[in-house]
Protein backbone atom coordinates (compact mmCIF):
# COMPACT_ATOMS: atom_id res chain seq x y z
CA UNK A 1 0.00 0.00 0.00
CA UNK A 2 1.40 3.36 -1.03
CA UNK A 3 1.55 6.00 1.67
CA UNK A 4 1.62 9.62 0.60
CA UNK A 5 2.80 12.39 2.88
CA UNK A 6 0.94 15.70 2.59
CA UNK A 7 2.97 18.60 1.20
CA UNK A 8 2.63 20.57 4.42
CA UNK A 9 4.17 17.75 6.44
CA UNK A 10 7.02 17.43 3.93
CA UNK A 11 7.73 21.13 4.28
CA UNK A 12 7.71 20.84 8.06
CA UNK A 13 10.12 17.89 7.96
CA UNK A 14 12.38 19.74 5.53
CA UNK A 15 12.34 22.78 7.79
CA UNK A 16 13.28 20.69 10.83
CA UNK A 17 16.16 19.04 8.96
CA UNK A 18 17.38 22.42 7.71
CA UNK A 19 17.23 23.84 11.23
CA UNK A 20 19.24 20.93 12.61
CA UNK A 21 21.90 21.40 9.92
CA UNK A 22 22.12 25.15 10.63
CA UNK A 23 22.44 24.54 14.37
CA UNK A 24 25.19 21.97 13.80
CA UNK A 25 27.08 24.40 11.57
CA UNK A 26 26.78 27.16 14.18
CA UNK A 27 27.93 24.75 16.88
CA UNK A 28 30.96 23.75 14.79
CA UNK A 29 31.71 27.41 14.18
CA UNK A 30 31.55 28.17 17.90
CA UNK A 31 33.76 25.19 18.71
CA UNK A 32 36.21 26.32 16.05
CA UNK A 33 36.52 29.84 17.42
CA UNK A 34 37.08 28.40 20.89
CA UNK A 35 39.90 26.23 19.51
CA UNK A 36 41.50 29.22 17.79
CA UNK A 37 41.38 31.28 20.96
CA UNK A 38 43.08 28.47 22.86
CA UNK A 39 45.84 28.20 20.28
CA UNK A 40 44.59 24.96 18.71
CA UNK A 41 44.82 26.52 15.27
CA UNK A 42 44.89 23.33 13.21
CA UNK A 43 41.79 21.94 14.88
CA UNK A 44 39.94 25.25 14.65
CA UNK A 45 40.65 25.76 10.96
CA UNK A 46 39.63 22.18 10.17
CA UNK A 47 36.30 22.73 11.92
CA UNK A 48 35.70 26.00 10.06
CA UNK A 49 36.56 24.42 6.71
CA UNK A 50 34.29 21.45 7.37
CA UNK A 51 31.47 23.86 8.24
CA UNK A 52 32.20 25.84 5.05
CA UNK A 53 32.94 28.99 7.07
CA UNK A 54 35.43 30.49 4.63
CA UNK A 55 34.74 34.16 5.48
CA UNK A 56 35.73 33.40 9.08
CA UNK A 57 38.84 31.57 7.90
CA UNK A 58 39.82 34.54 5.73
CA UNK A 59 39.25 37.01 8.57
CA UNK A 60 41.34 34.93 10.95
CA UNK A 61 44.20 34.53 8.50
CA UNK A 62 44.15 38.21 7.56
CA UNK A 63 44.33 39.73 11.01
CA UNK A 64 44.24 37.26 13.90
CA UNK A 65 46.68 34.46 13.12
CA UNK A 66 49.89 35.10 15.10
CA UNK A 67 52.92 34.96 12.83
CA UNK A 68 56.65 35.19 13.49
CA UNK A 69 56.97 37.50 10.48
CA UNK A 70 54.19 39.56 8.87
CA UNK A 71 55.68 39.14 5.39
CA UNK A 72 54.45 35.54 5.46
CA UNK A 73 50.79 36.56 5.75
CA UNK A 74 50.09 37.62 2.11
CA UNK A 75 51.67 34.44 0.71
CA UNK A 76 49.83 32.22 3.18
CA UNK A 77 46.47 33.85 2.51
CA UNK A 78 46.96 33.79 -1.26
CA UNK A 79 47.89 30.09 -1.23
CA UNK A 80 44.85 29.15 0.85
CA UNK A 81 42.56 31.13 -1.47
CA UNK A 82 44.07 29.51 -4.57
CA UNK A 83 43.65 25.98 -3.23
CA UNK A 84 40.09 26.74 -2.15
CA UNK A 85 39.28 28.20 -5.58
CA UNK A 86 40.68 25.11 -7.32
CA UNK A 87 38.64 22.84 -5.06
CA UNK A 88 35.43 24.80 -5.74
CA UNK A 89 36.09 24.81 -9.50
CA UNK A 90 36.64 21.05 -9.51
CA UNK A 91 33.36 20.53 -7.69
CA UNK A 92 31.42 22.76 -10.10
CA UNK A 93 32.83 21.08 -13.23
CA UNK A 94 32.62 17.50 -11.95
CA UNK A 95 29.85 16.58 -14.42
CA UNK A 96 32.01 17.37 -17.46
CA UNK A 97 35.18 15.59 -16.36
CA UNK A 98 35.99 11.92 -15.68
CA UNK A 99 35.13 10.92 -12.11
CA UNK A 100 38.65 9.62 -11.26
CA UNK A 101 40.17 12.94 -12.31
CA UNK A 102 37.71 14.95 -10.21
CA UNK A 103 38.38 12.69 -7.24
CA UNK A 104 42.11 13.22 -7.72
CA UNK A 105 41.72 17.00 -7.68
CA UNK A 106 39.45 16.97 -4.63
CA UNK A 107 41.70 14.58 -2.72
CA UNK A 108 44.82 16.60 -3.45
CA UNK A 109 43.21 19.95 -2.65
CA UNK A 110 41.97 18.49 0.63
CA UNK A 111 45.51 17.30 1.36
CA UNK A 112 46.84 20.74 0.46
CA UNK A 113 44.40 22.48 2.81
CA UNK A 114 45.29 20.05 5.59
CA UNK A 115 48.98 20.82 5.06
CA UNK A 116 48.21 24.54 5.15
CA UNK A 117 46.31 24.23 8.43
CA UNK A 118 49.31 22.42 9.91
CA UNK A 119 51.52 25.25 8.65
CA UNK A 120 49.24 27.80 10.31
CA UNK A 121 49.50 25.89 13.59
CA UNK A 122 53.28 25.76 13.33
CA UNK A 123 53.61 29.46 12.50
CA UNK A 124 51.11 30.51 15.17
CA UNK A 125 53.01 28.59 17.84
CA UNK A 126 56.23 30.37 16.87
CA UNK A 127 54.45 33.72 16.54
CA UNK A 128 53.22 33.55 20.13
CA UNK A 129 56.80 33.10 21.33
CA UNK A 130 57.62 36.59 19.96
CA UNK A 131 61.11 35.59 18.84
CA UNK A 132 63.06 38.01 16.64
CA UNK A 133 62.37 36.89 13.06
CA UNK A 134 65.99 37.58 12.11
CA UNK A 135 67.04 34.73 14.40
CA UNK A 136 64.75 32.38 12.46
CA UNK A 137 65.71 33.55 9.00
CA UNK A 138 66.66 30.12 7.60
CA UNK A 139 63.58 28.36 8.99
CA UNK A 140 61.21 31.08 7.78
CA UNK A 141 62.76 31.00 4.32
CA UNK A 142 62.05 27.27 4.21
CA UNK A 143 58.40 27.90 5.12
CA UNK A 144 58.16 30.62 2.49
CA UNK A 145 59.72 28.39 -0.18
CA UNK A 146 57.27 25.55 0.50
CA UNK A 147 54.32 27.94 0.36
CA UNK A 148 55.65 29.25 -2.96
CA UNK A 149 55.90 25.70 -4.33
CA UNK A 150 52.32 24.92 -3.33
CA UNK A 151 51.07 28.21 -4.75
CA UNK A 152 52.77 27.57 -8.11
CA UNK A 153 51.50 23.98 -8.27
CA UNK A 154 47.96 25.18 -7.54
CA UNK A 155 48.15 27.85 -10.23
CA UNK A 156 49.34 25.26 -12.76
CA UNK A 157 46.51 22.93 -11.76
CA UNK A 158 43.97 25.73 -12.24
CA UNK A 159 45.30 26.36 -15.77
CA UNK A 160 45.07 22.65 -16.62
CA UNK A 161 41.52 22.47 -15.29
CA UNK A 162 40.56 25.46 -17.43
CA UNK A 163 42.08 23.81 -20.52
CA UNK A 164 40.22 20.59 -19.84
CA UNK A 165 36.91 22.43 -19.64
CA UNK A 166 37.61 24.17 -22.95
CA UNK A 167 39.03 21.30 -25.02
CA UNK A 168 39.37 18.17 -22.96
CA UNK A 169 40.60 15.04 -24.68
CA UNK A 170 42.27 11.76 -23.73
CA UNK A 171 45.80 13.13 -24.03
CA UNK A 172 44.87 16.36 -22.25
CA UNK A 173 43.38 14.37 -19.40
CA UNK A 174 46.56 12.33 -19.00
CA UNK A 175 48.68 15.49 -19.04
CA UNK A 176 46.37 17.14 -16.50
CA UNK A 177 46.53 14.13 -14.18
CA UNK A 178 50.32 14.39 -14.14
CA UNK A 179 50.13 18.13 -13.50
CA UNK A 180 47.62 17.67 -10.68
CA UNK A 181 49.97 15.18 -9.04
CA UNK A 182 52.43 18.07 -8.59
CA UNK A 183 49.90 19.66 -6.26
CA UNK A 184 49.95 16.57 -4.07
CA UNK A 185 53.76 16.57 -4.12
CA UNK A 186 53.92 20.23 -3.03
CA UNK A 187 51.42 19.59 -0.24
CA UNK A 188 53.49 16.62 0.85
CA UNK A 189 56.62 18.77 1.03
CA UNK A 190 54.78 21.26 3.22
CA UNK A 191 53.43 18.52 5.45
CA UNK A 192 56.85 16.86 5.65
CA UNK A 193 57.99 19.61 8.02
CA UNK A 194 55.46 18.40 10.58
CA UNK A 195 56.21 14.74 9.94
CA UNK A 196 59.89 15.33 10.61
CA UNK A 197 59.21 17.50 13.65
CA UNK A 198 56.89 15.00 15.31
CA UNK A 199 58.44 11.73 14.15
CA UNK A 200 58.79 8.90 16.65
CA UNK A 201 62.55 9.37 16.73
CA UNK A 202 62.39 13.02 17.75
CA UNK A 203 59.53 12.71 20.26
CA UNK A 204 60.42 9.46 21.98
CA UNK A 205 61.29 9.76 25.65
CA UNK A 206 64.91 9.21 26.69
CA UNK A 207 65.65 5.65 27.69
CA UNK A 208 66.37 5.00 31.31
CA UNK A 209 69.79 3.65 32.10
CA UNK A 210 70.31 0.89 34.59
C-alpha atoms as a PDB file:
ATOM      1  CA  UNK A   1       0.000   0.000   0.000  1.00  0.00           C
ATOM      2  CA  UNK A   2       1.400   3.358  -1.031  1.00  0.00           C
ATOM      3  CA  UNK A   3       1.548   6.000   1.672  1.00  0.00           C
ATOM      4  CA  UNK A   4       1.621   9.617   0.598  1.00  0.00           C
ATOM      5  CA  UNK A   5       2.797  12.392   2.882  1.00  0.00           C
ATOM      6  CA  UNK A   6       0.939  15.699   2.589  1.00  0.00           C
ATOM      7  CA  UNK A   7       2.969  18.599   1.195  1.00  0.00           C
ATOM      8  CA  UNK A   8       2.629  20.571   4.425  1.00  0.00           C
ATOM      9  CA  UNK A   9       4.171  17.746   6.440  1.00  0.00           C
ATOM     10  CA  UNK A  10       7.018  17.427   3.925  1.00  0.00           C
ATOM     11  CA  UNK A  11       7.734  21.130   4.276  1.00  0.00           C
ATOM     12  CA  UNK A  12       7.707  20.844   8.060  1.00  0.00           C
ATOM     13  CA  UNK A  13      10.118  17.894   7.961  1.00  0.00           C
ATOM     14  CA  UNK A  14      12.382  19.739   5.526  1.00  0.00           C
ATOM     15  CA  UNK A  15      12.340  22.784   7.795  1.00  0.00           C
ATOM     16  CA  UNK A  16      13.284  20.686  10.830  1.00  0.00           C
ATOM     17  CA  UNK A  17      16.161  19.037   8.960  1.00  0.00           C
ATOM     18  CA  UNK A  18      17.385  22.415   7.707  1.00  0.00           C
ATOM     19  CA  UNK A  19      17.232  23.843  11.226  1.00  0.00           C
ATOM     20  CA  UNK A  20      19.240  20.933  12.609  1.00  0.00           C
ATOM     21  CA  UNK A  21      21.895  21.404   9.916  1.00  0.00           C
ATOM     22  CA  UNK A  22      22.124  25.146  10.627  1.00  0.00           C
ATOM     23  CA  UNK A  23      22.441  24.535  14.365  1.00  0.00           C
ATOM     24  CA  UNK A  24      25.192  21.974  13.798  1.00  0.00           C
ATOM     25  CA  UNK A  25      27.082  24.398  11.570  1.00  0.00           C
ATOM     26  CA  UNK A  26      26.781  27.164  14.183  1.00  0.00           C
ATOM     27  CA  UNK A  27      27.929  24.745  16.883  1.00  0.00           C
ATOM     28  CA  UNK A  28      30.960  23.749  14.793  1.00  0.00           C
ATOM     29  CA  UNK A  29      31.713  27.412  14.178  1.00  0.00           C
ATOM     30  CA  UNK A  30      31.552  28.174  17.896  1.00  0.00           C
ATOM     31  CA  UNK A  31      33.758  25.192  18.715  1.00  0.00           C
ATOM     32  CA  UNK A  32      36.213  26.317  16.046  1.00  0.00           C
ATOM     33  CA  UNK A  33      36.518  29.835  17.420  1.00  0.00           C
ATOM     34  CA  UNK A  34      37.077  28.405  20.894  1.00  0.00           C
ATOM     35  CA  UNK A  35      39.904  26.234  19.511  1.00  0.00           C
ATOM     36  CA  UNK A  36      41.505  29.220  17.788  1.00  0.00           C
ATOM     37  CA  UNK A  37      41.375  31.284  20.965  1.00  0.00           C
ATOM     38  CA  UNK A  38      43.079  28.473  22.865  1.00  0.00           C
ATOM     39  CA  UNK A  39      45.845  28.201  20.282  1.00  0.00           C
ATOM     40  CA  UNK A  40      44.588  24.963  18.711  1.00  0.00           C
ATOM     41  CA  UNK A  41      44.823  26.522  15.272  1.00  0.00           C
ATOM     42  CA  UNK A  42      44.887  23.331  13.208  1.00  0.00           C
ATOM     43  CA  UNK A  43      41.788  21.936  14.884  1.00  0.00           C
ATOM     44  CA  UNK A  44      39.938  25.250  14.653  1.00  0.00           C
ATOM     45  CA  UNK A  45      40.655  25.761  10.959  1.00  0.00           C
ATOM     46  CA  UNK A  46      39.632  22.181  10.171  1.00  0.00           C
ATOM     47  CA  UNK A  47      36.301  22.734  11.922  1.00  0.00           C
ATOM     48  CA  UNK A  48      35.698  26.003  10.059  1.00  0.00           C
ATOM     49  CA  UNK A  49      36.559  24.421   6.706  1.00  0.00           C
ATOM     50  CA  UNK A  50      34.287  21.447   7.368  1.00  0.00           C
ATOM     51  CA  UNK A  51      31.468  23.856   8.240  1.00  0.00           C
ATOM     52  CA  UNK A  52      32.196  25.845   5.049  1.00  0.00           C
ATOM     53  CA  UNK A  53      32.936  28.987   7.066  1.00  0.00           C
ATOM     54  CA  UNK A  54      35.429  30.486   4.628  1.00  0.00           C
ATOM     55  CA  UNK A  55      34.743  34.162   5.484  1.00  0.00           C
ATOM     56  CA  UNK A  56      35.731  33.400   9.080  1.00  0.00           C
ATOM     57  CA  UNK A  57      38.838  31.569   7.904  1.00  0.00           C
ATOM     58  CA  UNK A  58      39.816  34.542   5.735  1.00  0.00           C
ATOM     59  CA  UNK A  59      39.252  37.013   8.574  1.00  0.00           C
ATOM     60  CA  UNK A  60      41.339  34.934  10.947  1.00  0.00           C
ATOM     61  CA  UNK A  61      44.205  34.526   8.500  1.00  0.00           C
ATOM     62  CA  UNK A  62      44.151  38.215   7.562  1.00  0.00           C
ATOM     63  CA  UNK A  63      44.328  39.729  11.008  1.00  0.00           C
ATOM     64  CA  UNK A  64      44.242  37.260  13.905  1.00  0.00           C
ATOM     65  CA  UNK A  65      46.684  34.463  13.123  1.00  0.00           C
ATOM     66  CA  UNK A  66      49.891  35.104  15.099  1.00  0.00           C
ATOM     67  CA  UNK A  67      52.924  34.959  12.825  1.00  0.00           C
ATOM     68  CA  UNK A  68      56.651  35.186  13.492  1.00  0.00           C
ATOM     69  CA  UNK A  69      56.966  37.499  10.478  1.00  0.00           C
ATOM     70  CA  UNK A  70      54.191  39.560   8.866  1.00  0.00           C
ATOM     71  CA  UNK A  71      55.680  39.139   5.393  1.00  0.00           C
ATOM     72  CA  UNK A  72      54.445  35.544   5.460  1.00  0.00           C
ATOM     73  CA  UNK A  73      50.785  36.559   5.750  1.00  0.00           C
ATOM     74  CA  UNK A  74      50.087  37.616   2.110  1.00  0.00           C
ATOM     75  CA  UNK A  75      51.672  34.442   0.711  1.00  0.00           C
ATOM     76  CA  UNK A  76      49.834  32.216   3.181  1.00  0.00           C
ATOM     77  CA  UNK A  77      46.472  33.848   2.508  1.00  0.00           C
ATOM     78  CA  UNK A  78      46.962  33.787  -1.263  1.00  0.00           C
ATOM     79  CA  UNK A  79      47.887  30.088  -1.235  1.00  0.00           C
ATOM     80  CA  UNK A  80      44.848  29.155   0.854  1.00  0.00           C
ATOM     81  CA  UNK A  81      42.563  31.129  -1.466  1.00  0.00           C
ATOM     82  CA  UNK A  82      44.074  29.508  -4.565  1.00  0.00           C
ATOM     83  CA  UNK A  83      43.645  25.985  -3.228  1.00  0.00           C
ATOM     84  CA  UNK A  84      40.089  26.743  -2.146  1.00  0.00           C
ATOM     85  CA  UNK A  85      39.276  28.205  -5.578  1.00  0.00           C
ATOM     86  CA  UNK A  86      40.677  25.109  -7.324  1.00  0.00           C
ATOM     87  CA  UNK A  87      38.639  22.841  -5.063  1.00  0.00           C
ATOM     88  CA  UNK A  88      35.431  24.803  -5.745  1.00  0.00           C
ATOM     89  CA  UNK A  89      36.090  24.807  -9.497  1.00  0.00           C
ATOM     90  CA  UNK A  90      36.641  21.053  -9.509  1.00  0.00           C
ATOM     91  CA  UNK A  91      33.362  20.535  -7.692  1.00  0.00           C
ATOM     92  CA  UNK A  92      31.420  22.759 -10.102  1.00  0.00           C
ATOM     93  CA  UNK A  93      32.827  21.075 -13.227  1.00  0.00           C
ATOM     94  CA  UNK A  94      32.617  17.505 -11.954  1.00  0.00           C
ATOM     95  CA  UNK A  95      29.851  16.578 -14.416  1.00  0.00           C
ATOM     96  CA  UNK A  96      32.014  17.372 -17.462  1.00  0.00           C
ATOM     97  CA  UNK A  97      35.185  15.585 -16.356  1.00  0.00           C
ATOM     98  CA  UNK A  98      35.986  11.917 -15.675  1.00  0.00           C
ATOM     99  CA  UNK A  99      35.134  10.922 -12.112  1.00  0.00           C
ATOM    100  CA  UNK A 100      38.647   9.621 -11.259  1.00  0.00           C
ATOM    101  CA  UNK A 101      40.172  12.940 -12.312  1.00  0.00           C
ATOM    102  CA  UNK A 102      37.708  14.949 -10.207  1.00  0.00           C
ATOM    103  CA  UNK A 103      38.376  12.686  -7.244  1.00  0.00           C
ATOM    104  CA  UNK A 104      42.111  13.217  -7.723  1.00  0.00           C
ATOM    105  CA  UNK A 105      41.716  17.004  -7.684  1.00  0.00           C
ATOM    106  CA  UNK A 106      39.446  16.968  -4.634  1.00  0.00           C
ATOM    107  CA  UNK A 107      41.700  14.580  -2.716  1.00  0.00           C
ATOM    108  CA  UNK A 108      44.817  16.596  -3.451  1.00  0.00           C
ATOM    109  CA  UNK A 109      43.209  19.947  -2.653  1.00  0.00           C
ATOM    110  CA  UNK A 110      41.966  18.493   0.634  1.00  0.00           C
ATOM    111  CA  UNK A 111      45.505  17.300   1.364  1.00  0.00           C
ATOM    112  CA  UNK A 112      46.838  20.740   0.458  1.00  0.00           C
ATOM    113  CA  UNK A 113      44.405  22.479   2.807  1.00  0.00           C
ATOM    114  CA  UNK A 114      45.291  20.050   5.589  1.00  0.00           C
ATOM    115  CA  UNK A 115      48.981  20.821   5.056  1.00  0.00           C
ATOM    116  CA  UNK A 116      48.209  24.545   5.151  1.00  0.00           C
ATOM    117  CA  UNK A 117      46.309  24.225   8.433  1.00  0.00           C
ATOM    118  CA  UNK A 118      49.310  22.420   9.907  1.00  0.00           C
ATOM    119  CA  UNK A 119      51.516  25.245   8.652  1.00  0.00           C
ATOM    120  CA  UNK A 120      49.244  27.799  10.312  1.00  0.00           C
ATOM    121  CA  UNK A 121      49.496  25.889  13.590  1.00  0.00           C
ATOM    122  CA  UNK A 122      53.280  25.758  13.326  1.00  0.00           C
ATOM    123  CA  UNK A 123      53.614  29.456  12.501  1.00  0.00           C
ATOM    124  CA  UNK A 124      51.115  30.515  15.175  1.00  0.00           C
ATOM    125  CA  UNK A 125      53.013  28.594  17.837  1.00  0.00           C
ATOM    126  CA  UNK A 126      56.235  30.367  16.868  1.00  0.00           C
ATOM    127  CA  UNK A 127      54.450  33.719  16.539  1.00  0.00           C
ATOM    128  CA  UNK A 128      53.221  33.550  20.128  1.00  0.00           C
ATOM    129  CA  UNK A 129      56.803  33.100  21.325  1.00  0.00           C
ATOM    130  CA  UNK A 130      57.619  36.592  19.962  1.00  0.00           C
ATOM    131  CA  UNK A 131      61.105  35.592  18.840  1.00  0.00           C
ATOM    132  CA  UNK A 132      63.061  38.011  16.645  1.00  0.00           C
ATOM    133  CA  UNK A 133      62.368  36.886  13.064  1.00  0.00           C
ATOM    134  CA  UNK A 134      65.991  37.579  12.108  1.00  0.00           C
ATOM    135  CA  UNK A 135      67.041  34.732  14.398  1.00  0.00           C
ATOM    136  CA  UNK A 136      64.754  32.381  12.461  1.00  0.00           C
ATOM    137  CA  UNK A 137      65.712  33.550   9.000  1.00  0.00           C
ATOM    138  CA  UNK A 138      66.660  30.120   7.600  1.00  0.00           C
ATOM    139  CA  UNK A 139      63.577  28.365   8.986  1.00  0.00           C
ATOM    140  CA  UNK A 140      61.208  31.079   7.781  1.00  0.00           C
ATOM    141  CA  UNK A 141      62.761  31.003   4.317  1.00  0.00           C
ATOM    142  CA  UNK A 142      62.050  27.274   4.214  1.00  0.00           C
ATOM    143  CA  UNK A 143      58.401  27.903   5.122  1.00  0.00           C
ATOM    144  CA  UNK A 144      58.157  30.616   2.486  1.00  0.00           C
ATOM    145  CA  UNK A 145      59.718  28.386  -0.179  1.00  0.00           C
ATOM    146  CA  UNK A 146      57.268  25.549   0.504  1.00  0.00           C
ATOM    147  CA  UNK A 147      54.324  27.936   0.360  1.00  0.00           C
ATOM    148  CA  UNK A 148      55.647  29.247  -2.955  1.00  0.00           C
ATOM    149  CA  UNK A 149      55.895  25.699  -4.327  1.00  0.00           C
ATOM    150  CA  UNK A 150      52.318  24.916  -3.328  1.00  0.00           C
ATOM    151  CA  UNK A 151      51.074  28.211  -4.755  1.00  0.00           C
ATOM    152  CA  UNK A 152      52.773  27.565  -8.106  1.00  0.00           C
ATOM    153  CA  UNK A 153      51.497  23.985  -8.265  1.00  0.00           C
ATOM    154  CA  UNK A 154      47.962  25.183  -7.540  1.00  0.00           C
ATOM    155  CA  UNK A 155      48.152  27.850 -10.228  1.00  0.00           C
ATOM    156  CA  UNK A 156      49.343  25.257 -12.761  1.00  0.00           C
ATOM    157  CA  UNK A 157      46.508  22.927 -11.759  1.00  0.00           C
ATOM    158  CA  UNK A 158      43.973  25.728 -12.243  1.00  0.00           C
ATOM    159  CA  UNK A 159      45.305  26.358 -15.766  1.00  0.00           C
ATOM    160  CA  UNK A 160      45.074  22.653 -16.620  1.00  0.00           C
ATOM    161  CA  UNK A 161      41.523  22.473 -15.285  1.00  0.00           C
ATOM    162  CA  UNK A 162      40.562  25.459 -17.432  1.00  0.00           C
ATOM    163  CA  UNK A 163      42.079  23.809 -20.518  1.00  0.00           C
ATOM    164  CA  UNK A 164      40.216  20.589 -19.842  1.00  0.00           C
ATOM    165  CA  UNK A 165      36.907  22.426 -19.644  1.00  0.00           C
ATOM    166  CA  UNK A 166      37.613  24.165 -22.950  1.00  0.00           C
ATOM    167  CA  UNK A 167      39.026  21.303 -25.018  1.00  0.00           C
ATOM    168  CA  UNK A 168      39.368  18.172 -22.958  1.00  0.00           C
ATOM    169  CA  UNK A 169      40.602  15.038 -24.680  1.00  0.00           C
ATOM    170  CA  UNK A 170      42.265  11.765 -23.730  1.00  0.00           C
ATOM    171  CA  UNK A 171      45.803  13.131 -24.026  1.00  0.00           C
ATOM    172  CA  UNK A 172      44.873  16.358 -22.254  1.00  0.00           C
ATOM    173  CA  UNK A 173      43.375  14.369 -19.395  1.00  0.00           C
ATOM    174  CA  UNK A 174      46.563  12.326 -18.998  1.00  0.00           C
ATOM    175  CA  UNK A 175      48.682  15.493 -19.041  1.00  0.00           C
ATOM    176  CA  UNK A 176      46.368  17.135 -16.504  1.00  0.00           C
ATOM    177  CA  UNK A 177      46.533  14.131 -14.176  1.00  0.00           C
ATOM    178  CA  UNK A 178      50.324  14.391 -14.145  1.00  0.00           C
ATOM    179  CA  UNK A 179      50.126  18.132 -13.498  1.00  0.00           C
ATOM    180  CA  UNK A 180      47.618  17.666 -10.678  1.00  0.00           C
ATOM    181  CA  UNK A 181      49.967  15.180  -9.042  1.00  0.00           C
ATOM    182  CA  UNK A 182      52.429  18.065  -8.586  1.00  0.00           C
ATOM    183  CA  UNK A 183      49.905  19.660  -6.258  1.00  0.00           C
ATOM    184  CA  UNK A 184      49.954  16.566  -4.074  1.00  0.00           C
ATOM    185  CA  UNK A 185      53.758  16.574  -4.117  1.00  0.00           C
ATOM    186  CA  UNK A 186      53.923  20.228  -3.031  1.00  0.00           C
ATOM    187  CA  UNK A 187      51.417  19.591  -0.241  1.00  0.00           C
ATOM    188  CA  UNK A 188      53.494  16.619   0.855  1.00  0.00           C
ATOM    189  CA  UNK A 189      56.616  18.769   1.026  1.00  0.00           C
ATOM    190  CA  UNK A 190      54.784  21.263   3.217  1.00  0.00           C
ATOM    191  CA  UNK A 191      53.432  18.520   5.451  1.00  0.00           C
ATOM    192  CA  UNK A 192      56.850  16.857   5.654  1.00  0.00           C
ATOM    193  CA  UNK A 193      57.992  19.610   8.023  1.00  0.00           C
ATOM    194  CA  UNK A 194      55.456  18.397  10.576  1.00  0.00           C
ATOM    195  CA  UNK A 195      56.207  14.744   9.941  1.00  0.00           C
ATOM    196  CA  UNK A 196      59.891  15.333  10.613  1.00  0.00           C
ATOM    197  CA  UNK A 197      59.209  17.498  13.652  1.00  0.00           C
ATOM    198  CA  UNK A 198      56.891  14.996  15.311  1.00  0.00           C
ATOM    199  CA  UNK A 199      58.443  11.732  14.152  1.00  0.00           C
ATOM    200  CA  UNK A 200      58.785   8.895  16.645  1.00  0.00           C
ATOM    201  CA  UNK A 201      62.548   9.370  16.727  1.00  0.00           C
ATOM    202  CA  UNK A 202      62.393  13.022  17.753  1.00  0.00           C
ATOM    203  CA  UNK A 203      59.534  12.714  20.259  1.00  0.00           C
ATOM    204  CA  UNK A 204      60.415   9.464  21.984  1.00  0.00           C
ATOM    205  CA  UNK A 205      61.289   9.762  25.647  1.00  0.00           C
ATOM    206  CA  UNK A 206      64.908   9.210  26.685  1.00  0.00           C
ATOM    207  CA  UNK A 207      65.652   5.653  27.687  1.00  0.00           C
ATOM    208  CA  UNK A 208      66.366   4.996  31.311  1.00  0.00           C
ATOM    209  CA  UNK A 209      69.788   3.651  32.099  1.00  0.00           C
ATOM    210  CA  UNK A 210      70.309   0.885  34.587  1.00  0.00           C
END
